[in-house]
Amino acid sequence: MKNISWAIEMSDISVKRGGREVLQIQSFNLEKNEAVAIIGPNGSGKSTFLLVASLLLKPTTGKISYLGKPIVSSNRTFFRRMTGVAFQDPLLLDRSILENLKIALKLKRPDLKDREGIASFWLRKLRIQHLANVSPHQLSGGELQRASLARVFAVQPDVVFLDEPFSAIDEFDRPSLSGDVKDLIAESNVASLIVTHNVAEAVILANRLIVMSDGGIAQQGSVAEVLANPASSAVAKLLGYSVFSVEDFTRVFSCNPPDENISKVAVPDNAIDIVLNSDGIGVIVRLEVSTNGVVALIDVGNQQFHSEIAIAEVLSSDLAKGNRVEVSVDQSRIVWLCK
């Protein structure tokens, strides 16, 4: 008996453009109520994957099923009505925000009667009820995205697709909106597929993480599993690790790899600790802003490492470019790689 716990099943998917294959997915399943994040560099196929999964783009070859039913030409529109999609640039009509939601409800849920009441409820839910009669061109980036998300969830979709939903939003509103979206996904009991370039957003929003490279899946698993155990140096770099040859790393820190097949070492920012010391082996090359505080770029024996530092520590210790520091590594946090 076919397993209908899957919201979406995809197999042998290929998308070709201009004779070049830009997406190749052997298999992908999205469970009901599951949240999956997709990360990868520009051009890796993330958005193409989302467009195919949301039935907005027909693959060159391959099969897709929704809730155990194969997608064919005759039912494609029916199943598309079960989805809600929010893009990086909100696509809103030149009508009031309330009208935008009512039109979406009419198109996707013609069975619903009180469209104005439902639309008003979701505007309140996204905290933009005061903008109900305002046109999209009068809104800020954050307000536009809240309106777009209100429209997505108002139609009560079975599957939600979010393509870089927070990238155009300023740093002050992004944490609040990402928290709201997490709550909406949980409360709405929907399956969700989220494309992002921000690892922190993937951690907040998703249960499972897919890392894409060159149009295919380079690694997938639970968010915690993938972040703790990147499968290759390429994946590690995408996840924010600094990657070094095993020779360079062991020379600086005088530690031994677990076996002779190790060729690379992936080091997260939080594995490197620094303390001001005029006789230290490291030199601060640059201080950079990060989502958690400040990251110091440290030069140690012609190798450069990142070290995550709390803002309070930066202020209290007066760390600055050119300072010498003692450098230590938490070996329990590093990842030894064979490739």
Foldseek 3Di string as FASTA:
>chain_A
DDDLQWQKKKAQFWADDPNRTQAGEHIDTFGQLFEEEEAEDPSLCQVVVLCCRLLVDPTPDIWMDGSNHTDDPVCSQVQNLQEFEQAQDGDFDQFFLLVRLLVLCCRSPVVDDPSSVLLLVLCVLLPNNVRRRPTLVVDDLLVSLSSSVSSRPSSLHQEYEYHQSPPRPDPVCRVVVLQSVQVSSNVSSHTYYYYHLDLVSCVSRGQKYFYGGSNYTPDIDGSVVCLQAPAAPNSLVSSAWDKDFPVVVCVQAVDDDPDDLFTMKTHHQQFKDKDFDQPAQKFFADWAQDPQDIWTWIAGPNDTHIHDDHNVCCVVRVDDGGTHIHMDGDVVRMYTYND
